[in-house]
PDB file of N, CA and C in Angstrom:
ATOM      1  N   UNK A   1      20.604 -23.780  55.345  1.00  0.00           N
ATOM      2  CA  UNK A   1      21.351 -23.117  54.231  1.00  0.00           C
ATOM      3  C   UNK A   1      21.732 -24.459  53.440  1.00  0.00           C
ATOM      4  N   UNK A   2      21.591 -24.197  52.119  1.00  0.00           N
ATOM      5  CA  UNK A   2      21.900 -25.219  51.008  1.00  0.00           C
ATOM      6  C   UNK A   2      23.286 -24.829  50.563  1.00  0.00           C
ATOM      7  N   UNK A   3      24.255 -25.665  50.918  1.00  0.00           N
ATOM      8  CA  UNK A   3      25.662 -25.328  50.508  1.00  0.00           C
ATOM      9  C   UNK A   3      25.851 -25.483  49.047  1.00  0.00           C
ATOM     10  N   UNK A   4      25.161 -26.514  48.489  1.00  0.00           N
ATOM     11  CA  UNK A   4      25.291 -26.709  46.972  1.00  0.00           C
ATOM     12  C   UNK A   4      24.695 -25.526  46.280  1.00  0.00           C
ATOM     13  N   UNK A   5      23.646 -24.940  46.571  1.00  0.00           N
ATOM     14  CA  UNK A   5      23.144 -23.790  45.789  1.00  0.00           C
ATOM     15  C   UNK A   5      23.831 -22.430  45.910  1.00  0.00           C
ATOM     16  N   UNK A   6      24.660 -22.478  46.961  1.00  0.00           N
ATOM     17  CA  UNK A   6      25.572 -21.238  47.233  1.00  0.00           C
ATOM     18  C   UNK A   6      24.665 -20.080  48.012  1.00  0.00           C
ATOM     19  N   UNK A   7      23.487 -20.514  48.525  1.00  0.00           N
ATOM     20  CA  UNK A   7      22.852 -19.561  49.281  1.00  0.00           C
ATOM     21  C   UNK A   7      23.363 -19.222  50.616  1.00  0.00           C
ATOM     22  N   UNK A   8      23.269 -17.882  51.109  1.00  0.00           N
ATOM     23  CA  UNK A   8      23.880 -17.600  52.361  1.00  0.00           C
ATOM     24  C   UNK A   8      22.760 -17.436  53.342  1.00  0.00           C
ATOM     25  N   UNK A   9      23.026 -17.406  54.614  1.00  0.00           N
ATOM     26  CA  UNK A   9      21.995 -16.935  55.592  1.00  0.00           C
ATOM     27  C   UNK A   9      21.357 -15.649  55.303  1.00  0.00           C
ATOM     28  N   UNK A  10      22.215 -14.686  54.956  1.00  0.00           N
ATOM     29  CA  UNK A  10      21.849 -13.332  54.776  1.00  0.00           C
ATOM     30  C   UNK A  10      20.991 -13.221  53.676  1.00  0.00           C
ATOM     31  N   UNK A  11      21.202 -13.937  52.541  1.00  0.00           N
ATOM     32  CA  UNK A  11      20.531 -13.823  51.305  1.00  0.00           C
ATOM     33  C   UNK A  11      19.067 -14.429  51.593  1.00  0.00           C
ATOM     34  N   UNK A  12      19.071 -15.535  52.276  1.00  0.00           N
ATOM     35  CA  UNK A  12      17.700 -16.182  52.426  1.00  0.00           C
ATOM     36  C   UNK A  12      16.877 -15.334  53.411  1.00  0.00           C
ATOM     37  N   UNK A  13      17.576 -14.681  54.492  1.00  0.00           N
ATOM     38  CA  UNK A  13      16.961 -13.835  55.386  1.00  0.00           C
ATOM     39  C   UNK A  13      16.344 -12.679  54.697  1.00  0.00           C
ATOM     40  N   UNK A  14      17.090 -11.997  53.820  1.00  0.00           N
ATOM     41  CA  UNK A  14      16.612 -10.854  53.106  1.00  0.00           C
ATOM     42  C   UNK A  14      15.455 -11.226  52.205  1.00  0.00           C
ATOM     43  N   UNK A  15      15.627 -12.412  51.517  1.00  0.00           N
ATOM     44  CA  UNK A  15      14.532 -12.892  50.586  1.00  0.00           C
ATOM     45  C   UNK A  15      13.118 -13.042  51.463  1.00  0.00           C
ATOM     46  N   UNK A  16      13.483 -13.456  52.512  1.00  0.00           N
ATOM     47  CA  UNK A  16      12.069 -13.952  53.381  1.00  0.00           C
ATOM     48  C   UNK A  16      11.457 -12.576  53.910  1.00  0.00           C
ATOM     49  N   UNK A  17      12.266 -11.687  54.415  1.00  0.00           N
ATOM     50  CA  UNK A  17      11.850 -10.440  55.019  1.00  0.00           C
ATOM     51  C   UNK A  17      11.688  -9.316  54.152  1.00  0.00           C
ATOM     52  N   UNK A  18      12.415  -9.180  53.146  1.00  0.00           N
ATOM     53  CA  UNK A  18      12.427  -8.152  52.202  1.00  0.00           C
ATOM     54  C   UNK A  18      12.650  -6.675  52.908  1.00  0.00           C
ATOM     55  N   UNK A  19      11.878  -5.710  52.547  1.00  0.00           N
ATOM     56  CA  UNK A  19      11.988  -4.312  52.995  1.00  0.00           C
ATOM     57  C   UNK A  19      11.846  -4.360  54.542  1.00  0.00           C
ATOM     58  N   UNK A  20      11.218  -5.189  55.228  1.00  0.00           N
ATOM     59  CA  UNK A  20      10.993  -5.099  56.630  1.00  0.00           C
ATOM     60  C   UNK A  20      12.325  -5.493  57.360  1.00  0.00           C
ATOM     61  N   UNK A  21      13.256  -6.199  56.637  1.00  0.00           N
ATOM     62  CA  UNK A  21      14.501  -6.554  57.360  1.00  0.00           C
ATOM     63  C   UNK A  21      15.323  -5.127  57.307  1.00  0.00           C
ATOM     64  N   UNK A  22      15.309  -4.303  56.399  1.00  0.00           N
ATOM     65  CA  UNK A  22      15.825  -3.055  56.279  1.00  0.00           C
ATOM     66  C   UNK A  22      15.455  -2.171  57.528  1.00  0.00           C
ATOM     67  N   UNK A  23      14.174  -2.108  57.623  1.00  0.00           N
ATOM     68  CA  UNK A  23      13.677  -1.224  58.773  1.00  0.00           C
ATOM     69  C   UNK A  23      13.965  -1.875  60.122  1.00  0.00           C
ATOM     70  N   UNK A  24      14.106  -3.077  60.230  1.00  0.00           N
ATOM     71  CA  UNK A  24      14.502  -3.770  61.463  1.00  0.00           C
ATOM     72  C   UNK A  24      15.922  -3.427  61.717  1.00  0.00           C
ATOM     73  N   UNK A  25      16.771  -3.445  60.742  1.00  0.00           N
ATOM     74  CA  UNK A  25      18.249  -3.212  60.932  1.00  0.00           C
ATOM     75  C   UNK A  25      18.476  -1.801  61.232  1.00  0.00           C
ATOM     76  N   UNK A  26      17.556  -0.947  60.729  1.00  0.00           N
ATOM     77  CA  UNK A  26      17.809   0.542  60.998  1.00  0.00           C
ATOM     78  C   UNK A  26      17.344   0.842  62.422  1.00  0.00           C
ATOM     79  N   UNK A  27      16.255   0.105  62.834  1.00  0.00           N
ATOM     80  CA  UNK A  27      15.703   0.226  64.246  1.00  0.00           C
ATOM     81  C   UNK A  27      16.721  -0.228  65.370  1.00  0.00           C
ATOM     82  N   UNK A  28      17.694  -0.888  65.047  1.00  0.00           N
ATOM     83  CA  UNK A  28      18.765  -1.294  65.922  1.00  0.00           C
ATOM     84  C   UNK A  28      20.025  -0.487  65.986  1.00  0.00           C
ATOM     85  N   UNK A  29      19.906   0.581  64.932  1.00  0.00           N
ATOM     86  CA  UNK A  29      21.217   1.515  64.748  1.00  0.00           C
ATOM     87  C   UNK A  29      20.851   2.723  65.502  1.00  0.00           C
ATOM     88  N   UNK A  30      21.809   3.642  65.477  1.00  0.00           N
ATOM     89  CA  UNK A  30      21.539   4.962  66.046  1.00  0.00           C
ATOM     90  C   UNK A  30      21.259   6.129  64.985  1.00  0.00           C
ATOM     91  N   UNK A  31      20.530   5.589  63.862  1.00  0.00           N
ATOM     92  CA  UNK A  31      20.246   6.595  62.703  1.00  0.00           C
ATOM     93  C   UNK A  31      19.368   7.728  63.163  1.00  0.00           C
ATOM     94  N   UNK A  32      18.561   7.538  64.058  1.00  0.00           N
ATOM     95  CA  UNK A  32      17.780   8.612  64.631  1.00  0.00           C
ATOM     96  C   UNK A  32      18.434   9.549  65.279  1.00  0.00           C
ATOM     97  N   UNK A  33      19.582   9.192  66.011  1.00  0.00           N
ATOM     98  CA  UNK A  33      20.323  10.210  66.819  1.00  0.00           C
ATOM     99  C   UNK A  33      21.070  11.024  65.783  1.00  0.00           C
ATOM    100  N   UNK A  34      21.329  10.490  64.612  1.00  0.00           N
ATOM    101  CA  UNK A  34      22.209  11.307  63.542  1.00  0.00           C
ATOM    102  C   UNK A  34      21.244  12.311  63.025  1.00  0.00           C
ATOM    103  N   UNK A  35      19.989  11.931  62.700  1.00  0.00           N
ATOM    104  CA  UNK A  35      19.116  12.737  61.857  1.00  0.00           C
ATOM    105  C   UNK A  35      18.293  13.727  62.780  1.00  0.00           C
ATOM    106  N   UNK A  36      18.043  13.161  63.927  1.00  0.00           N
ATOM    107  CA  UNK A  36      17.075  13.920  64.825  1.00  0.00           C
ATOM    108  C   UNK A  36      15.821  13.761  64.642  1.00  0.00           C
ATOM    109  N   UNK A  37      15.377  12.866  63.681  1.00  0.00           N
ATOM    110  CA  UNK A  37      14.020  12.385  63.343  1.00  0.00           C
ATOM    111  C   UNK A  37      13.334  11.614  64.454  1.00  0.00           C
ATOM    112  N   UNK A  38      12.034  11.322  64.330  1.00  0.00           N
ATOM    113  CA  UNK A  38      11.511  10.378  65.368  1.00  0.00           C
ATOM    114  C   UNK A  38      11.060   9.139  64.855  1.00  0.00           C
ATOM    115  N   UNK A  39      11.142   9.053  63.707  1.00  0.00           N
ATOM    116  CA  UNK A  39      10.564   7.755  62.993  1.00  0.00           C
ATOM    117  C   UNK A  39      11.536   7.302  61.787  1.00  0.00           C
ATOM    118  N   UNK A  40      11.732   6.128  61.713  1.00  0.00           N
ATOM    119  CA  UNK A  40      12.602   5.549  60.599  1.00  0.00           C
ATOM    120  C   UNK A  40      11.894   5.668  59.285  1.00  0.00           C
ATOM    121  N   UNK A  41      10.604   5.574  59.234  1.00  0.00           N
ATOM    122  CA  UNK A  41       9.972   5.638  58.149  1.00  0.00           C
ATOM    123  C   UNK A  41       9.737   6.997  57.439  1.00  0.00           C
ATOM    124  N   UNK A  42      10.168   7.992  58.258  1.00  0.00           N
ATOM    125  CA  UNK A  42      10.148   9.393  57.797  1.00  0.00           C
ATOM    126  C   UNK A  42      11.467   9.845  57.101  1.00  0.00           C
ATOM    127  N   UNK A  43      12.488   8.874  57.260  1.00  0.00           N
ATOM    128  CA  UNK A  43      13.866   9.206  56.827  1.00  0.00           C
ATOM    129  C   UNK A  43      13.985   9.093  55.379  1.00  0.00           C
ATOM    130  N   UNK A  44      14.838   9.996  54.843  1.00  0.00           N
ATOM    131  CA  UNK A  44      15.283   9.924  53.367  1.00  0.00           C
ATOM    132  C   UNK A  44      15.761   8.550  53.102  1.00  0.00           C
ATOM    133  N   UNK A  45      15.188   7.955  51.981  1.00  0.00           N
ATOM    134  CA  UNK A  45      15.547   6.483  51.654  1.00  0.00           C
ATOM    135  C   UNK A  45      17.022   6.394  51.280  1.00  0.00           C
ATOM    136  N   UNK A  46      17.721   7.466  50.593  1.00  0.00           N
ATOM    137  CA  UNK A  46      18.870   7.257  50.067  1.00  0.00           C
ATOM    138  C   UNK A  46      19.845   7.412  51.289  1.00  0.00           C
ATOM    139  N   UNK A  47      19.546   8.280  52.107  1.00  0.00           N
ATOM    140  CA  UNK A  47      20.356   8.427  53.432  1.00  0.00           C
ATOM    141  C   UNK A  47      20.403   7.091  54.145  1.00  0.00           C
ATOM    142  N   UNK A  48      19.185   6.470  54.262  1.00  0.00           N
ATOM    143  CA  UNK A  48      19.235   5.219  54.858  1.00  0.00           C
ATOM    144  C   UNK A  48      20.097   4.087  54.351  1.00  0.00           C
ATOM    145  N   UNK A  49      19.980   4.123  52.992  1.00  0.00           N
ATOM    146  CA  UNK A  49      20.868   2.997  52.211  1.00  0.00           C
ATOM    147  C   UNK A  49      22.175   3.319  52.689  1.00  0.00           C
ATOM    148  N   UNK A  50      22.805   4.686  52.433  1.00  0.00           N
ATOM    149  CA  UNK A  50      23.996   4.999  52.815  1.00  0.00           C
ATOM    150  C   UNK A  50      24.536   4.629  54.187  1.00  0.00           C
ATOM    151  N   UNK A  51      23.538   4.966  55.036  1.00  0.00           N
ATOM    152  CA  UNK A  51      23.863   4.549  56.471  1.00  0.00           C
ATOM    153  C   UNK A  51      24.265   3.109  56.639  1.00  0.00           C
ATOM    154  N   UNK A  52      23.228   2.310  56.029  1.00  0.00           N
ATOM    155  CA  UNK A  52      23.452   0.887  56.162  1.00  0.00           C
ATOM    156  C   UNK A  52      24.758   0.383  55.490  1.00  0.00           C
ATOM    157  N   UNK A  53      24.993   1.029  54.287  1.00  0.00           N
ATOM    158  CA  UNK A  53      26.143   0.816  53.492  1.00  0.00           C
ATOM    159  C   UNK A  53      27.496   1.052  54.335  1.00  0.00           C
ATOM    160  N   UNK A  54      27.641   2.192  55.064  1.00  0.00           N
ATOM    161  CA  UNK A  54      28.790   2.617  55.763  1.00  0.00           C
ATOM    162  C   UNK A  54      28.933   1.812  57.031  1.00  0.00           C
ATOM    163  N   UNK A  55      27.710   1.428  57.620  1.00  0.00           N
ATOM    164  CA  UNK A  55      27.733   0.525  58.858  1.00  0.00           C
ATOM    165  C   UNK A  55      28.145  -0.943  58.516  1.00  0.00           C
ATOM    166  N   UNK A  56      27.883  -1.446  57.279  1.00  0.00           N
ATOM    167  CA  UNK A  56      28.279  -2.750  56.913  1.00  0.00           C
ATOM    168  C   UNK A  56      29.719  -2.738  56.606  1.00  0.00           C
ATOM    169  N   UNK A  57      30.307  -1.633  55.941  1.00  0.00           N
ATOM    170  CA  UNK A  57      31.684  -1.547  55.566  1.00  0.00           C
ATOM    171  C   UNK A  57      32.477  -1.574  56.890  1.00  0.00           C
ATOM    172  N   UNK A  58      32.074  -0.647  57.828  1.00  0.00           N
ATOM    173  CA  UNK A  58      32.657  -0.529  59.105  1.00  0.00           C
ATOM    174  C   UNK A  58      32.951  -1.800  59.882  1.00  0.00           C
ATOM    175  N   UNK A  59      31.745  -2.547  59.840  1.00  0.00           N
ATOM    176  CA  UNK A  59      31.771  -3.844  60.519  1.00  0.00           C
ATOM    177  C   UNK A  59      32.731  -4.853  59.729  1.00  0.00           C
ATOM    178  N   UNK A  60      32.792  -4.776  58.527  1.00  0.00           N
ATOM    179  CA  UNK A  60      33.717  -5.645  57.852  1.00  0.00           C
ATOM    180  C   UNK A  60      35.127  -5.376  58.055  1.00  0.00           C
ATOM    181  N   UNK A  61      35.521  -4.001  58.281  1.00  0.00           N
ATOM    182  CA  UNK A  61      36.880  -3.622  58.507  1.00  0.00           C
ATOM    183  C   UNK A  61      37.190  -4.011  59.952  1.00  0.00           C
ATOM    184  N   UNK A  62      36.243  -3.932  60.922  1.00  0.00           N
ATOM    185  CA  UNK A  62      36.535  -4.418  62.331  1.00  0.00           C
ATOM    186  C   UNK A  62      36.733  -5.877  62.401  1.00  0.00           C
ATOM    187  N   UNK A  63      36.023  -6.624  61.636  1.00  0.00           N
ATOM    188  CA  UNK A  63      36.272  -7.985  61.532  1.00  0.00           C
ATOM    189  C   UNK A  63      37.690  -8.340  61.101  1.00  0.00           C
ATOM    190  N   UNK A  64      37.999  -7.754  59.909  1.00  0.00           N
ATOM    191  CA  UNK A  64      39.424  -7.899  59.370  1.00  0.00           C
ATOM    192  C   UNK A  64      40.491  -7.478  60.474  1.00  0.00           C
ATOM    193  N   UNK A  65      40.223  -6.465  61.171  1.00  0.00           N
ATOM    194  CA  UNK A  65      41.104  -5.901  62.087  1.00  0.00           C
ATOM    195  C   UNK A  65      41.282  -7.047  63.287  1.00  0.00           C
ATOM    196  N   UNK A  66      40.199  -7.540  63.709  1.00  0.00           N
ATOM    197  CA  UNK A  66      40.154  -8.536  64.668  1.00  0.00           C
ATOM    198  C   UNK A  66      40.984  -9.831  64.258  1.00  0.00           C
ATOM    199  N   UNK A  67      40.706 -10.249  62.957  1.00  0.00           N
ATOM    200  CA  UNK A  67      41.456 -11.355  62.437  1.00  0.00           C
ATOM    201  C   UNK A  67      42.995 -11.152  62.332  1.00  0.00           C
ATOM    202  N   UNK A  68      43.276  -9.892  61.980  1.00  0.00           N
ATOM    203  CA  UNK A  68      44.691  -9.627  61.931  1.00  0.00           C
ATOM    204  C   UNK A  68      45.338  -9.676  63.319  1.00  0.00           C
ATOM    205  N   UNK A  69      44.713  -9.051  64.276  1.00  0.00           N
ATOM    206  CA  UNK A  69      45.194  -9.166  65.689  1.00  0.00           C
ATOM    207  C   UNK A  69      45.279 -10.555  66.188  1.00  0.00           C
ATOM    208  N   UNK A  70      44.318 -11.330  65.874  1.00  0.00           N
ATOM    209  CA  UNK A  70      44.404 -12.744  66.273  1.00  0.00           C
ATOM    210  C   UNK A  70      45.538 -13.431  65.691  1.00  0.00           C
ATOM    211  N   UNK A  71      45.904 -13.398  64.421  1.00  0.00           N
ATOM    212  CA  UNK A  71      46.890 -13.969  63.643  1.00  0.00           C
ATOM    213  C   UNK A  71      48.234 -13.594  64.281  1.00  0.00           C
ATOM    214  N   UNK A  72      48.400 -12.170  64.577  1.00  0.00           N
ATOM    215  CA  UNK A  72      49.558 -11.730  65.227  1.00  0.00           C
ATOM    216  C   UNK A  72      49.740 -12.262  66.476  1.00  0.00           C
ATOM    217  N   UNK A  73      48.704 -12.469  67.226  1.00  0.00           N
ATOM    218  CA  UNK A  73      48.883 -13.044  68.713  1.00  0.00           C
ATOM    219  C   UNK A  73      49.255 -14.529  68.591  1.00  0.00           C
ATOM    220  N   UNK A  74      48.688 -15.208  67.669  1.00  0.00           N
ATOM    221  CA  UNK A  74      49.215 -16.617  67.329  1.00  0.00           C
ATOM    222  C   UNK A  74      50.498 -16.803  66.912  1.00  0.00           C
ATOM    223  N   UNK A  75      51.061 -15.789  66.156  1.00  0.00           N
ATOM    224  CA  UNK A  75      52.443 -15.892  65.712  1.00  0.00           C
ATOM    225  C   UNK A  75      53.404 -15.618  66.782  1.00  0.00           C
ATOM    226  N   UNK A  76      52.879 -14.718  67.618  1.00  0.00           N
ATOM    227  CA  UNK A  76      53.782 -14.444  68.853  1.00  0.00           C
ATOM    228  C   UNK A  76      53.918 -15.530  69.858  1.00  0.00           C
ATOM    229  N   UNK A  77      52.788 -16.216  70.060  1.00  0.00           N
ATOM    230  CA  UNK A  77      52.872 -17.445  70.881  1.00  0.00           C
ATOM    231  C   UNK A  77      53.830 -18.685  70.277  1.00  0.00           C
ATOM    232  N   UNK A  78      53.762 -18.695  68.925  1.00  0.00           N
ATOM    233  CA  UNK A  78      54.605 -19.720  68.286  1.00  0.00           C
ATOM    234  C   UNK A  78      56.010 -19.449  68.414  1.00  0.00           C
ATOM    235  N   UNK A  79      56.439 -18.095  68.419  1.00  0.00           N
ATOM    236  CA  UNK A  79      57.755 -17.739  68.597  1.00  0.00           C
ATOM    237  C   UNK A  79      58.306 -17.987  69.921  1.00  0.00           C
ATOM    238  N   UNK A  80      57.552 -18.191  70.884  1.00  0.00           N
ATOM    239  CA  UNK A  80      58.048 -18.334  72.261  1.00  0.00           C
ATOM    240  C   UNK A  80      58.599 -19.699  72.492  1.00  0.00           C
TER     241      UNK A  80
END
């Protein structure tokens, strides 16, 4: 990762793998359980993008919640 150019691991990963990274991410998810389909490549493209978007937002919210809980725990330790 080149810090001077501002590139992130995610950006370089996606540049390298392109659309295959999307299929790989979907294959690790439960999307087929939601749709009942048998193949990721048969899914509606817009549905796939929405699914990945909500999954990403959910993960970011969970990370924020964990950080908040860690901050609160550290504050409680300092108060003792």
